[in-house]
Amino acid sequence: MKTVRYTPDTLPPLTEDRKKALKRLSALPDDQIDTSDIPVLADESLAGMEQGHFYRPVKRQITARLDADVLAWLKSQGKGYQTRMNAILRREMIAALKSASR
């Protein structure tokens, strides 16, 4: 099965009927929207959740100055030193965010 991906430029055009239906839906107040088919997530369910395995943050290219020995150590670990550097920084970021929220 082939995955189909759409962008705003490749979406099929909306028909007039579909536009009218969407306009009616957007005008509904929240309390009139039927959410009975959505399961309720209790705090216990949410407590064990973690970010999805398919989460891919947006990457930005930067120029950074590192100590030569730090860069040599990262590169000595093999291919993918930039990915390792990002993982180390992410681990530190998460630890700092956790300690700040306590």
Protein backbone atom coordinates (compact mmCIF):
# COMPACT_ATOMS: atom_id res chain seq x y z
CA MET A 1 0.00 0.00 0.00
CA LYS A 2 1.38 3.40 -0.95
CA THR A 3 1.21 6.24 1.56
CA VAL A 4 -0.48 9.33 0.17
CA ARG A 5 0.79 12.68 1.41
CA TYR A 6 -0.91 15.97 0.80
CA THR A 7 0.36 19.51 1.13
CA PRO A 8 -1.79 22.64 0.89
CA ASP A 9 -0.77 22.80 -2.78
CA THR A 10 -1.71 19.22 -3.62
CA LEU A 11 -5.01 18.87 -1.75
CA PRO A 12 -7.97 18.19 -3.99
CA PRO A 13 -10.18 21.30 -4.32
CA LEU A 14 -13.18 21.56 -1.99
CA THR A 15 -16.58 21.25 -3.56
CA GLU A 16 -19.22 23.88 -2.82
CA ASP A 17 -21.20 21.32 -0.76
CA ARG A 18 -18.12 20.50 1.31
CA LYS A 19 -17.39 24.20 1.87
CA LYS A 20 -20.96 24.73 3.13
CA ALA A 21 -20.72 21.70 5.44
CA LEU A 22 -17.40 22.94 6.88
CA LYS A 23 -18.84 26.40 7.40
CA ARG A 24 -21.81 24.92 9.32
CA LEU A 25 -19.47 22.85 11.48
CA SER A 26 -17.19 25.75 12.28
CA ALA A 27 -20.18 27.80 13.43
CA LEU A 28 -21.23 25.18 16.02
CA PRO A 29 -20.49 26.03 19.66
CA ASP A 30 -18.18 23.53 21.38
CA ASP A 31 -20.94 22.21 23.64
CA GLN A 32 -22.94 21.09 20.59
CA ILE A 33 -20.14 19.00 19.11
CA ASP A 34 -20.65 15.27 19.65
CA THR A 35 -17.43 13.89 21.18
CA SER A 36 -19.00 10.67 22.49
CA ASP A 37 -16.83 8.53 20.21
CA ILE A 38 -13.60 9.92 21.72
CA PRO A 39 -12.34 7.85 24.66
CA VAL A 40 -11.82 9.67 27.95
CA LEU A 41 -8.19 9.73 29.07
CA ALA A 42 -7.84 9.59 32.82
CA ASP A 43 -4.84 11.05 34.63
CA GLU A 44 -3.56 7.49 35.18
CA SER A 45 -3.55 6.91 31.42
CA LEU A 46 -1.75 10.16 30.73
CA ALA A 47 0.88 9.63 33.43
CA GLY A 48 2.61 6.83 31.55
CA MET A 49 2.53 8.49 28.16
CA GLU A 50 5.66 9.60 26.43
CA GLN A 51 6.38 11.39 23.21
CA GLY A 52 5.61 9.28 20.16
CA HIS A 53 8.26 7.13 18.55
CA PHE A 54 7.59 8.85 15.25
CA TYR A 55 8.10 12.36 16.63
CA ARG A 56 10.72 14.18 14.57
CA PRO A 57 11.57 17.67 15.71
CA VAL A 58 12.46 20.25 13.10
CA LYS A 59 16.21 20.46 12.60
CA ARG A 60 18.07 23.73 12.07
CA GLN A 61 21.53 24.03 10.68
CA ILE A 62 23.85 26.06 12.88
CA THR A 63 27.50 26.92 13.21
CA ALA A 64 28.90 26.04 16.61
CA ARG A 65 32.35 26.33 18.08
CA LEU A 66 33.42 23.32 20.15
CA ASP A 67 36.59 22.55 22.03
CA ALA A 68 38.87 20.50 19.79
CA ASP A 69 39.09 17.62 22.27
CA VAL A 70 35.29 17.45 22.61
CA LEU A 71 34.87 17.32 18.84
CA ALA A 72 37.63 14.71 18.54
CA TRP A 73 35.91 12.57 21.17
CA LEU A 74 32.53 12.83 19.41
CA LYS A 75 34.07 11.89 16.07
CA SER A 76 36.06 9.03 17.62
CA GLN A 77 32.77 7.32 18.50
CA GLY A 78 32.16 6.69 14.80
CA LYS A 79 29.75 7.92 12.21
CA GLY A 80 26.90 10.16 13.37
CA TYR A 81 28.72 12.49 15.74
CA GLN A 82 26.27 15.33 15.09
CA THR A 83 23.33 13.08 15.98
CA ARG A 84 25.14 12.04 19.17
CA MET A 85 25.83 15.68 20.00
CA ASN A 86 22.12 16.46 19.57
CA ALA A 87 21.16 13.48 21.76
CA ILE A 88 23.53 14.64 24.52
CA LEU A 89 22.12 18.16 24.39
CA ARG A 90 18.53 16.87 24.34
CA ARG A 91 19.20 14.66 27.37
CA GLU A 92 20.56 17.67 29.26
CA MET A 93 17.65 19.84 28.14
CA ILE A 94 15.09 17.30 29.37
CA ALA A 95 16.89 16.92 32.70
CA ALA A 96 16.95 20.71 33.16
CA LEU A 97 13.26 21.01 32.28
CA LYS A 98 12.35 18.24 34.72
CA SER A 99 14.32 19.81 37.57
CA ALA A 100 12.87 23.26 36.82
CA SER A 101 9.30 21.93 37.01
CA ARG A 102 9.77 20.49 40.49
